[in-house]
N, C-alpha and C. Protein backbone atom coordinates (compact mmCIF):
# COMPACT_ATOMS: atom_id res chain seq x y z
N UNK A 1 -37.69 0.06 -4.33
CA UNK A 1 -36.35 0.39 -4.76
C UNK A 1 -35.33 -0.63 -4.24
N UNK A 2 -35.52 -1.08 -3.02
CA UNK A 2 -34.60 -2.07 -2.45
C UNK A 2 -34.69 -3.39 -3.21
N UNK A 3 -35.90 -3.72 -3.69
CA UNK A 3 -36.09 -4.95 -4.47
C UNK A 3 -35.30 -4.88 -5.77
N UNK A 4 -35.36 -3.75 -6.44
CA UNK A 4 -34.64 -3.60 -7.71
C UNK A 4 -33.13 -3.67 -7.48
N UNK A 5 -32.65 -3.08 -6.42
CA UNK A 5 -31.22 -3.13 -6.10
C UNK A 5 -30.78 -4.57 -5.80
N UNK A 6 -31.59 -5.29 -5.03
CA UNK A 6 -31.26 -6.67 -4.69
C UNK A 6 -31.26 -7.55 -5.95
N UNK A 7 -32.26 -7.37 -6.80
CA UNK A 7 -32.33 -8.14 -8.04
C UNK A 7 -31.12 -7.83 -8.91
N UNK A 8 -30.76 -6.55 -9.01
CA UNK A 8 -29.62 -6.15 -9.83
C UNK A 8 -28.33 -6.76 -9.32
N UNK A 9 -28.11 -6.71 -8.03
CA UNK A 9 -26.87 -7.23 -7.45
C UNK A 9 -26.78 -8.74 -7.60
N UNK A 10 -27.82 -9.44 -7.19
CA UNK A 10 -27.80 -10.90 -7.23
C UNK A 10 -27.73 -11.40 -8.67
N UNK A 11 -28.57 -10.84 -9.53
CA UNK A 11 -28.57 -11.25 -10.93
C UNK A 11 -27.25 -10.96 -11.62
N UNK A 12 -26.66 -9.80 -11.32
CA UNK A 12 -25.38 -9.43 -11.93
C UNK A 12 -24.26 -10.36 -11.49
N UNK A 13 -24.23 -10.69 -10.22
CA UNK A 13 -23.18 -11.58 -9.71
C UNK A 13 -23.29 -12.95 -10.38
N UNK A 14 -24.50 -13.51 -10.44
CA UNK A 14 -24.66 -14.82 -11.06
C UNK A 14 -24.35 -14.79 -12.55
N UNK A 15 -24.76 -13.72 -13.23
CA UNK A 15 -24.48 -13.61 -14.66
C UNK A 15 -22.98 -13.47 -14.90
N UNK A 16 -22.31 -12.64 -14.13
CA UNK A 16 -20.86 -12.48 -14.29
C UNK A 16 -20.11 -13.78 -13.98
N UNK A 17 -20.54 -14.48 -12.94
CA UNK A 17 -19.92 -15.78 -12.65
C UNK A 17 -20.13 -16.76 -13.80
N UNK A 18 -21.32 -16.75 -14.39
CA UNK A 18 -21.59 -17.60 -15.53
C UNK A 18 -20.70 -17.27 -16.71
N UNK A 19 -20.50 -15.97 -16.97
CA UNK A 19 -19.62 -15.55 -18.06
C UNK A 19 -18.18 -15.98 -17.80
N UNK A 20 -17.73 -15.81 -16.57
CA UNK A 20 -16.37 -16.22 -16.20
C UNK A 20 -16.20 -17.73 -16.36
N UNK A 21 -17.24 -18.49 -15.98
CA UNK A 21 -17.15 -19.95 -16.04
C UNK A 21 -17.30 -20.50 -17.45
N UNK A 22 -17.57 -19.64 -18.43
CA UNK A 22 -17.52 -20.11 -19.81
C UNK A 22 -16.09 -20.47 -20.15
N UNK A 23 -15.14 -19.68 -19.64
CA UNK A 23 -13.72 -19.89 -19.92
C UNK A 23 -13.11 -20.87 -18.91
N UNK A 24 -13.48 -20.73 -17.66
CA UNK A 24 -12.96 -21.60 -16.61
C UNK A 24 -13.86 -22.82 -16.44
N UNK A 25 -13.35 -23.88 -15.85
CA UNK A 25 -14.21 -25.05 -15.63
C UNK A 25 -15.27 -24.74 -14.56
N UNK A 26 -16.49 -25.06 -14.89
CA UNK A 26 -17.58 -24.82 -13.95
C UNK A 26 -18.91 -24.80 -14.66
N UNK A 27 -19.99 -24.66 -13.89
CA UNK A 27 -21.34 -24.76 -14.46
C UNK A 27 -21.85 -23.44 -15.06
N UNK A 28 -21.20 -22.97 -16.10
CA UNK A 28 -21.63 -21.72 -16.75
C UNK A 28 -23.03 -21.88 -17.32
N UNK A 29 -23.33 -23.07 -17.87
CA UNK A 29 -24.64 -23.33 -18.48
C UNK A 29 -25.76 -23.23 -17.45
N UNK A 30 -25.42 -23.29 -16.17
CA UNK A 30 -26.41 -23.21 -15.11
C UNK A 30 -26.53 -21.79 -14.56
N UNK A 31 -25.39 -21.16 -14.28
CA UNK A 31 -25.41 -19.85 -13.63
C UNK A 31 -25.85 -18.72 -14.56
N UNK A 32 -25.43 -18.79 -15.79
CA UNK A 32 -25.75 -17.70 -16.73
C UNK A 32 -27.26 -17.54 -16.93
N UNK A 33 -28.00 -18.60 -17.24
CA UNK A 33 -29.45 -18.41 -17.40
C UNK A 33 -30.16 -18.03 -16.10
N UNK A 34 -29.68 -18.53 -14.97
CA UNK A 34 -30.30 -18.17 -13.70
C UNK A 34 -30.10 -16.67 -13.43
N UNK A 35 -28.88 -16.19 -13.66
CA UNK A 35 -28.61 -14.77 -13.47
C UNK A 35 -29.45 -13.91 -14.40
N UNK A 36 -29.56 -14.31 -15.66
CA UNK A 36 -30.37 -13.56 -16.61
C UNK A 36 -31.86 -13.62 -16.24
N UNK A 37 -32.31 -14.77 -15.74
CA UNK A 37 -33.72 -14.88 -15.32
C UNK A 37 -34.02 -13.94 -14.16
N UNK A 38 -33.10 -13.83 -13.23
CA UNK A 38 -33.29 -12.91 -12.10
C UNK A 38 -33.29 -11.47 -12.61
N UNK A 39 -32.34 -11.12 -13.47
CA UNK A 39 -32.29 -9.76 -14.01
C UNK A 39 -33.50 -9.44 -14.88
N UNK A 40 -34.07 -10.45 -15.53
CA UNK A 40 -35.21 -10.21 -16.40
C UNK A 40 -36.47 -9.83 -15.63
N UNK A 41 -36.45 -10.02 -14.32
CA UNK A 41 -37.57 -9.56 -13.51
C UNK A 41 -37.71 -8.05 -13.54
N UNK A 42 -36.61 -7.34 -13.78
CA UNK A 42 -36.61 -5.88 -13.77
C UNK A 42 -36.17 -5.24 -15.08
N UNK A 43 -35.44 -5.98 -15.93
CA UNK A 43 -34.84 -5.37 -17.11
C UNK A 43 -35.26 -6.09 -18.39
N UNK A 44 -35.74 -5.32 -19.36
CA UNK A 44 -36.16 -5.89 -20.64
C UNK A 44 -34.97 -6.45 -21.43
N UNK A 45 -33.81 -5.81 -21.35
CA UNK A 45 -32.64 -6.28 -22.09
C UNK A 45 -32.23 -7.68 -21.61
N UNK A 46 -32.39 -7.93 -20.31
CA UNK A 46 -32.03 -9.25 -19.77
C UNK A 46 -33.02 -10.30 -20.26
N UNK A 47 -34.31 -9.92 -20.38
CA UNK A 47 -35.31 -10.84 -20.90
C UNK A 47 -34.98 -11.23 -22.34
N UNK A 48 -34.53 -10.25 -23.13
CA UNK A 48 -34.15 -10.52 -24.52
C UNK A 48 -32.98 -11.50 -24.58
N UNK A 49 -31.95 -11.27 -23.75
CA UNK A 49 -30.77 -12.15 -23.76
C UNK A 49 -31.09 -13.53 -23.18
N UNK A 50 -32.01 -13.58 -22.23
CA UNK A 50 -32.42 -14.87 -21.69
C UNK A 50 -33.10 -15.71 -22.77
N UNK A 51 -33.98 -15.10 -23.55
CA UNK A 51 -34.64 -15.82 -24.65
C UNK A 51 -33.62 -16.29 -25.69
N UNK A 52 -32.64 -15.44 -26.00
CA UNK A 52 -31.60 -15.83 -26.95
C UNK A 52 -30.79 -17.00 -26.42
N UNK A 53 -30.42 -16.94 -25.15
CA UNK A 53 -29.62 -18.03 -24.57
C UNK A 53 -30.42 -19.32 -24.49
N UNK A 54 -31.71 -19.23 -24.21
CA UNK A 54 -32.55 -20.43 -24.18
C UNK A 54 -32.65 -21.05 -25.57
N UNK A 55 -32.80 -20.22 -26.59
CA UNK A 55 -32.88 -20.72 -27.96
C UNK A 55 -31.56 -21.39 -28.35
N UNK A 56 -30.44 -20.77 -27.97
CA UNK A 56 -29.13 -21.34 -28.27
C UNK A 56 -28.94 -22.68 -27.57
N UNK A 57 -29.33 -22.75 -26.31
CA UNK A 57 -29.18 -24.01 -25.56
C UNK A 57 -30.06 -25.11 -26.16
N UNK A 58 -31.26 -24.75 -26.62
CA UNK A 58 -32.14 -25.74 -27.24
C UNK A 58 -31.53 -26.26 -28.54
N UNK A 59 -31.02 -25.35 -29.37
CA UNK A 59 -30.38 -25.77 -30.62
C UNK A 59 -29.16 -26.65 -30.33
N UNK A 60 -28.38 -26.27 -29.33
CA UNK A 60 -27.19 -27.06 -28.97
C UNK A 60 -27.58 -28.45 -28.48
N UNK A 61 -28.64 -28.54 -27.71
CA UNK A 61 -29.09 -29.84 -27.20
C UNK A 61 -29.56 -30.73 -28.34
N UNK A 62 -30.31 -30.17 -29.30
CA UNK A 62 -30.74 -30.95 -30.46
C UNK A 62 -29.55 -31.41 -31.29
N UNK A 63 -28.59 -30.54 -31.49
CA UNK A 63 -27.40 -30.88 -32.26
C UNK A 63 -26.63 -32.02 -31.59
N UNK A 64 -26.41 -31.89 -30.28
CA UNK A 64 -25.69 -32.92 -29.55
C UNK A 64 -26.45 -34.24 -29.55
N UNK A 65 -27.76 -34.18 -29.39
CA UNK A 65 -28.56 -35.39 -29.44
C UNK A 65 -28.44 -36.07 -30.80
N UNK A 66 -28.45 -35.29 -31.86
CA UNK A 66 -28.31 -35.83 -33.21
C UNK A 66 -26.95 -36.52 -33.38
N UNK A 67 -25.89 -35.87 -32.89
CA UNK A 67 -24.54 -36.45 -33.00
C UNK A 67 -24.43 -37.75 -32.20
N UNK A 68 -25.02 -37.79 -31.03
CA UNK A 68 -24.97 -39.00 -30.20
C UNK A 68 -25.72 -40.14 -30.89
N UNK A 69 -26.89 -39.82 -31.46
CA UNK A 69 -27.65 -40.85 -32.17
C UNK A 69 -26.89 -41.36 -33.39
N UNK A 70 -26.23 -40.46 -34.12
CA UNK A 70 -25.44 -40.88 -35.27
C UNK A 70 -24.29 -41.79 -34.85
N UNK A 71 -23.64 -41.44 -33.76
CA UNK A 71 -22.53 -42.25 -33.26
C UNK A 71 -23.02 -43.61 -32.78
N UNK A 72 -24.10 -43.58 -32.03
CA UNK A 72 -24.61 -44.80 -31.41
C UNK A 72 -25.23 -45.76 -32.42
N UNK A 73 -26.02 -45.22 -33.35
CA UNK A 73 -26.77 -46.07 -34.27
C UNK A 73 -26.22 -46.07 -35.69
N UNK A 74 -25.22 -45.25 -35.96
CA UNK A 74 -24.57 -45.24 -37.24
C UNK A 74 -25.40 -44.69 -38.39
N UNK A 75 -26.32 -43.80 -38.09
CA UNK A 75 -27.16 -43.21 -39.15
C UNK A 75 -26.54 -41.97 -39.65
């Protein structure tokens, strides 16, 4: 029971900080997935959101890479 409470508190704090840092300057892209990964140890809903956020980050990285290549090489 103490493990679940610790995971909930730590994961919630990191996830909330990540959400706040989406609006404020800071490493939201780092804290949000870490918080969700910690919460996913105990909660299925967090595992679902972690997979969604990973898919979104992958798509965003491919999009940005494509834009950089277009800018750099003019394709």
